[in-house]
C-alpha cells in the first residue's frame, strides 16, 4: 500500500493481496464450521446431547521414543486361537479314547436269606461274585475320522495363529515406519519454515526498496503456508501411528495383567 500510494507499484499488487486475503479468511470460516460439526458428531457418538464443552488442544506433542519391541505371545487374538488349538487337541484325544476297547471290572453282590427247612453249608451267607466285562467298539472308522478331523482342525488353528502373529508384526512394523517417517518430515518442515521466514524477511525488505519482485513475496508466503500445512499433516500421521502402537501395546499389557 505504501509503494502504491507513493506511485512506485501498480494497483494490481494490492488487488492480488486482497484476493488471497479474502480466500484465506473464507477458508478459515469454513474450517471453524467444520470443527463445530466434528464436535457435534463426537457428542452423538458418546450419546451426549447436552452442551458439554469439547476442548481442542492448540499444541500436540508426540513421544517418538516411547515404544519398545513387542512380544505378541500373550496377545488376546493369539490367546483365543491357542485355546481353540487346545480344544481341538482334546477332541482328538477323546476320539482316540472312544476308539479303544472298553474293559470293565466289578463285583456283583447278592443278599441270600437263611433257609429254615434245611441247613446247608454257608446257609444265609451273602454271595459275592467278581465280574469282568469287555466291549469292542463297532464303528472304529467313525472314531478314526473324528480323530483325524480334530487333528486337522488343531493344525489349521495353529497355522491361523501364526498368520495372526505375522499380521501383528507387520502392523507394528508399519506403524513404527510411519512414526519415524513423520518425525523426519516434521524436522524437515520445521527447518524449511525457519529458512523460508528468513528469506521472506529479505524479500519484503527488498520489495520495500524496489529490489524484489512482488510476485516473489507472494510466492514465498504461499510456500511458508504450504510447509505449515504439511507440518500439521505430518503431525496428524504421527498421532495415528502412535495411536496404533498404543492400541497394540494396550491389548498386550491388558492381557498380561
Protein backbone atom coordinates (compact mmCIF):
# COMPACT_ATOMS: atom_id res chain seq x y z
CA UNK A 1 0.00 0.00 0.00
CA UNK A 2 2.87 2.39 0.80
CA UNK A 3 4.51 1.80 -2.57
CA UNK A 4 1.19 2.10 -4.41
CA UNK A 5 0.36 5.36 -2.64
CA UNK A 6 3.83 6.61 -3.48
CA UNK A 7 3.28 5.69 -7.12
CA UNK A 8 6.01 3.04 -7.13
CA UNK A 9 3.77 -0.07 -7.52
CA UNK A 10 0.68 -0.89 -9.62
CA UNK A 11 -2.78 -1.26 -8.11
CA UNK A 12 -2.86 -4.88 -9.28
CA UNK A 13 -0.49 -5.84 -6.43
CA UNK A 14 -2.96 -4.54 -3.87
CA UNK A 15 -5.80 -6.43 -5.58
CA UNK A 16 -3.79 -9.66 -5.55
CA UNK A 17 -3.24 -9.34 -1.80
CA UNK A 18 -6.95 -8.65 -1.21
CA UNK A 19 -7.92 -11.70 -3.28
CA UNK A 20 -5.63 -14.01 -1.29
CA UNK A 21 -6.73 -12.43 1.97
CA UNK A 22 -10.43 -12.96 1.18
CA UNK A 23 -9.74 -16.54 0.12
CA UNK A 24 -7.83 -17.26 3.36
CA UNK A 25 -10.50 -15.69 5.57
CA UNK A 26 -13.25 -17.67 3.84
CA UNK A 27 -11.33 -20.92 4.25
CA UNK A 28 -10.77 -20.14 7.94
CA UNK A 29 -14.51 -19.66 8.49
CA UNK A 30 -15.30 -22.91 6.66
CA UNK A 31 -12.78 -24.79 8.83
CA UNK A 32 -14.28 -23.29 12.00
CA UNK A 33 -17.73 -24.50 10.93
CA UNK A 34 -16.31 -27.95 10.16
CA UNK A 35 -14.72 -28.05 13.61
CA UNK A 36 -18.07 -27.39 15.27
CA UNK A 37 -19.68 -30.09 13.12
CA UNK A 38 -16.97 -32.56 14.20
CA UNK A 39 -17.66 -31.69 17.83
CA UNK A 40 -21.38 -32.38 17.29
CA UNK A 41 -20.52 -35.75 15.72
CA UNK A 42 -18.40 -36.60 18.75
CA UNK A 43 -21.27 -35.72 21.09
CA UNK A 44 -23.57 -38.04 19.12
CA UNK A 45 -21.01 -40.85 19.31
CA UNK A 46 -20.73 -40.58 23.10
CA UNK A 47 -24.52 -40.14 23.33
CA UNK A 48 -24.17 -36.74 25.00
CA UNK A 49 -26.76 -34.33 23.63
CA UNK A 50 -26.03 -31.65 26.23
CA UNK A 51 -23.92 -28.58 25.92
CA UNK A 52 -20.71 -30.14 27.19
CA UNK A 53 -17.71 -28.16 26.01
CA UNK A 54 -15.25 -30.18 23.95
CA UNK A 55 -11.79 -28.72 24.25
CA UNK A 56 -9.31 -28.99 21.39
CA UNK A 57 -5.61 -28.75 22.16
CA UNK A 58 -3.69 -25.97 20.43
CA UNK A 59 -0.41 -27.87 20.65
CA UNK A 60 0.11 -31.59 20.08
CA UNK A 61 3.23 -33.44 21.11
CA UNK A 62 4.17 -36.98 20.07
CA UNK A 63 6.62 -39.07 22.10
CA UNK A 64 8.59 -40.75 19.34
CA UNK A 65 10.85 -42.84 21.60
CA UNK A 66 8.27 -44.32 23.98
CA UNK A 67 7.55 -47.56 22.12
CA UNK A 68 9.55 -50.74 22.71
CA UNK A 69 9.66 -54.04 20.86
CA UNK A 70 6.54 -56.10 21.42
CA UNK A 71 6.10 -59.75 22.32
CA UNK A 72 2.75 -60.87 20.92
CA UNK A 73 2.65 -64.31 22.53
CA UNK A 74 0.04 -63.13 25.07
CA UNK A 75 -1.99 -61.02 22.64
CA UNK A 76 -5.78 -61.65 23.04
CA UNK A 77 -6.21 -62.71 19.41
CA UNK A 78 -3.37 -65.22 19.72
CA UNK A 79 -4.58 -66.40 23.13
CA UNK A 80 -8.02 -67.12 21.66
CA UNK A 81 -6.52 -69.19 18.83
CA UNK A 82 -4.31 -71.05 21.32
CA UNK A 83 -7.42 -72.04 23.30
CA UNK A 84 -9.06 -73.27 20.11
CA UNK A 85 -5.99 -75.36 19.29
CA UNK A 86 -6.03 -76.92 22.76
CA UNK A 87 -9.77 -77.66 22.43
CA UNK A 88 -9.23 -79.49 19.13
CA UNK A 89 -6.34 -81.42 20.65
CA UNK A 90 -8.64 -82.54 23.46
CA UNK A 91 -11.24 -83.60 20.88
CA UNK A 92 -8.57 -85.66 19.14
CA UNK A 93 -7.67 -87.36 22.44
CA UNK A 94 -11.34 -88.10 23.20
CA UNK A 95 -11.88 -89.61 19.75
CA UNK A 96 -8.81 -91.80 20.25
CA UNK A 97 -10.08 -92.99 23.64
CA UNK A 98 -13.54 -93.73 22.25
CA UNK A 99 -11.99 -95.98 19.60
CA UNK A 100 -10.24 -98.23 22.16
CA UNK A 101 -11.71 -101.41 23.69
CA UNK A 102 -13.54 -100.79 26.95
CA UNK A 103 -12.56 -103.06 29.86
CA UNK A 104 -14.73 -103.18 32.95
CA UNK A 105 -14.07 -104.80 36.33
CA UNK A 106 -16.66 -105.02 39.09
CA UNK A 107 -18.28 -107.03 41.86
CA UNK A 108 -21.83 -108.39 41.99
CA UNK A 109 -23.28 -108.70 45.49
CA UNK A 110 -26.37 -110.81 46.21
CA UNK A 111 -28.24 -110.96 49.51
CA UNK A 112 -29.30 -114.55 50.35
CA UNK A 113 -31.91 -115.29 53.03
CA UNK A 114 -31.25 -118.06 55.54
CA UNK A 115 -33.22 -121.28 54.90
CA UNK A 116 -35.32 -122.71 57.66
CA UNK A 117 -36.24 -126.02 56.04
CA UNK A 118 -32.66 -127.15 55.76
CA UNK A 119 -29.26 -126.22 56.98
CA UNK A 120 -26.83 -126.38 54.02
CA UNK A 121 -23.23 -125.22 54.30
CA UNK A 122 -22.88 -121.41 54.43
CA UNK A 123 -26.61 -121.15 55.00
CA UNK A 124 -27.71 -117.47 54.69
CA UNK A 125 -24.30 -116.23 53.66
CA UNK A 126 -24.46 -113.43 51.01
CA UNK A 127 -22.87 -114.14 47.65
CA UNK A 128 -20.03 -112.01 46.25
CA UNK A 129 -19.19 -112.59 42.58
CA UNK A 130 -16.31 -110.83 40.81
CA UNK A 131 -17.20 -109.70 37.25
CA UNK A 132 -15.10 -108.75 34.26
CA UNK A 133 -16.55 -107.20 31.04
CA UNK A 134 -15.04 -106.10 27.78
CA UNK A 135 -16.66 -104.19 24.92
CA UNK A 136 -15.22 -103.65 21.48
CA UNK A 137 -16.19 -100.50 19.50
CA UNK A 138 -18.07 -101.39 16.34
CA UNK A 139 -17.69 -98.07 14.45
CA UNK A 140 -13.91 -97.73 14.60
CA UNK A 141 -13.83 -95.86 11.26
CA UNK A 142 -16.10 -93.22 12.77
CA UNK A 143 -13.72 -92.59 15.66
CA UNK A 144 -10.69 -92.55 13.37
CA UNK A 145 -12.43 -89.94 11.21
CA UNK A 146 -13.25 -87.84 14.28
CA UNK A 147 -9.65 -88.06 15.43
CA UNK A 148 -8.31 -87.03 12.02
CA UNK A 149 -10.78 -84.15 11.79
CA UNK A 150 -9.77 -82.85 15.23
CA UNK A 151 -6.07 -83.14 14.30
CA UNK A 152 -6.57 -81.16 11.09
CA UNK A 153 -8.63 -78.52 12.88
CA UNK A 154 -5.91 -78.11 15.51
CA UNK A 155 -3.30 -77.79 12.75
CA UNK A 156 -5.41 -75.17 10.94
CA UNK A 157 -5.88 -73.23 14.17
CA UNK A 158 -2.12 -73.25 14.79
CA UNK A 159 -1.48 -72.00 11.25
CA UNK A 160 -4.06 -69.27 11.73
CA UNK A 161 -2.33 -68.30 14.96
CA UNK A 162 0.97 -67.93 13.12
CA UNK A 163 -0.72 -65.86 10.41
CA UNK A 164 -2.22 -63.51 13.03
CA UNK A 165 1.19 -63.18 14.73
CA UNK A 166 2.76 -62.23 11.40
CA UNK A 167 -0.05 -59.75 10.78
CA UNK A 168 0.57 -58.12 14.18
CA UNK A 169 4.31 -57.92 13.47
CA UNK A 170 3.51 -56.32 10.12
CA UNK A 171 1.17 -53.79 11.73
CA UNK A 172 3.69 -52.79 14.39
CA UNK A 173 6.46 -52.54 11.79
CA UNK A 174 4.37 -50.30 9.52
CA UNK A 175 3.23 -48.12 12.42
CA UNK A 176 6.84 -47.63 13.55
CA UNK A 177 7.84 -46.78 10.00
CA UNK A 178 5.05 -44.20 9.74
CA UNK A 179 6.07 -42.73 13.10
CA UNK A 180 9.72 -42.48 12.08
CA UNK A 181 8.77 -41.02 8.69
CA UNK A 182 6.58 -38.39 10.35
CA UNK A 183 9.37 -37.49 12.76
CA UNK A 184 11.77 -36.84 9.88
CA UNK A 185 9.19 -34.86 7.92
CA UNK A 186 8.44 -32.70 10.96
CA UNK A 187 12.13 -31.92 11.29
CA UNK A 188 12.31 -31.11 7.57
CA UNK A 189 9.25 -28.82 7.55
CA UNK A 190 10.41 -27.06 10.71
CA UNK A 191 13.75 -26.30 9.04
CA UNK A 192 12.05 -25.19 5.80
CA UNK A 193 9.67 -22.87 7.65
CA UNK A 194 12.55 -21.29 9.58
CA UNK A 195 14.62 -20.70 6.45
CA UNK A 196 11.61 -19.53 4.43
CA UNK A 197 10.73 -16.97 7.10
CA UNK A 198 14.28 -15.61 6.88
CA UNK A 199 14.04 -15.44 3.09
CA UNK A 200 10.62 -13.80 3.36
CA UNK A 201 12.01 -11.02 5.52
CA UNK A 202 14.74 -10.39 2.96
CA UNK A 203 12.20 -10.35 0.11
CA UNK A 204 9.92 -7.92 1.94
CA UNK A 205 12.87 -5.68 2.73
CA UNK A 206 14.00 -5.86 -0.89
CA UNK A 207 10.49 -5.16 -2.16
CA UNK A 208 10.26 -2.12 0.12
CA UNK A 209 13.45 -0.86 -1.50
CA UNK A 210 12.23 -1.78 -5.00
CA UNK A 211 14.83 -4.54 -5.28
CA UNK A 212 12.46 -7.55 -5.27
CA UNK A 213 9.52 -8.59 -7.40
CA UNK A 214 6.13 -8.54 -5.70
CA UNK A 215 5.27 -11.95 -7.11
CA UNK A 216 8.26 -13.42 -5.29
CA UNK A 217 6.91 -12.09 -1.99
CA UNK A 218 3.51 -13.68 -2.61
CA UNK A 219 5.07 -16.96 -3.69
CA UNK A 220 7.29 -17.13 -0.61
CA UNK A 221 4.32 -16.53 1.70
CA UNK A 222 2.41 -19.28 -0.13
CA UNK A 223 5.37 -21.62 0.29
CA UNK A 224 5.53 -20.91 4.03
CA UNK A 225 1.82 -21.65 4.37
CA UNK A 226 2.24 -24.87 2.40
CA UNK A 227 5.09 -26.02 4.69
CA UNK A 228 2.96 -25.31 7.75
CA UNK A 229 0.07 -27.34 6.32
CA UNK A 230 2.43 -30.21 5.51
CA UNK A 231 3.85 -29.94 9.02
CA UNK A 232 0.39 -30.33 10.57
CA UNK A 233 -0.38 -33.22 8.20
CA UNK A 234 2.83 -35.00 9.25
CA UNK A 235 1.92 -34.44 12.90
CA UNK A 236 -1.52 -35.97 12.27
CA UNK A 237 0.09 -39.02 10.64
CA UNK A 238 2.44 -39.31 13.62
CA UNK A 239 -0.51 -39.30 16.02
CA UNK A 240 -2.27 -42.02 14.01
CA UNK A 241 0.85 -44.19 14.06
CA UNK A 242 1.36 -43.56 17.79
CA UNK A 243 -2.29 -44.41 18.46
CA UNK A 244 -1.87 -47.67 16.54
CA UNK A 245 1.17 -48.60 18.62
CA UNK A 246 -0.59 -47.68 21.85
CA UNK A 247 -3.57 -49.82 20.81
CA UNK A 248 -1.38 -52.86 20.27
CA UNK A 249 0.56 -52.20 23.48
CA UNK A 250 -2.65 -51.75 25.47
CA UNK A 251 -4.05 -55.07 24.25
CA UNK A 252 -0.83 -56.81 25.20
CA UNK A 253 -0.39 -55.23 28.63
CA UNK A 254 -4.08 -55.59 29.48
CA UNK A 255 -3.97 -59.32 28.71
CA UNK A 256 -0.76 -59.78 30.74
CA UNK A 257 -2.32 -58.08 33.77
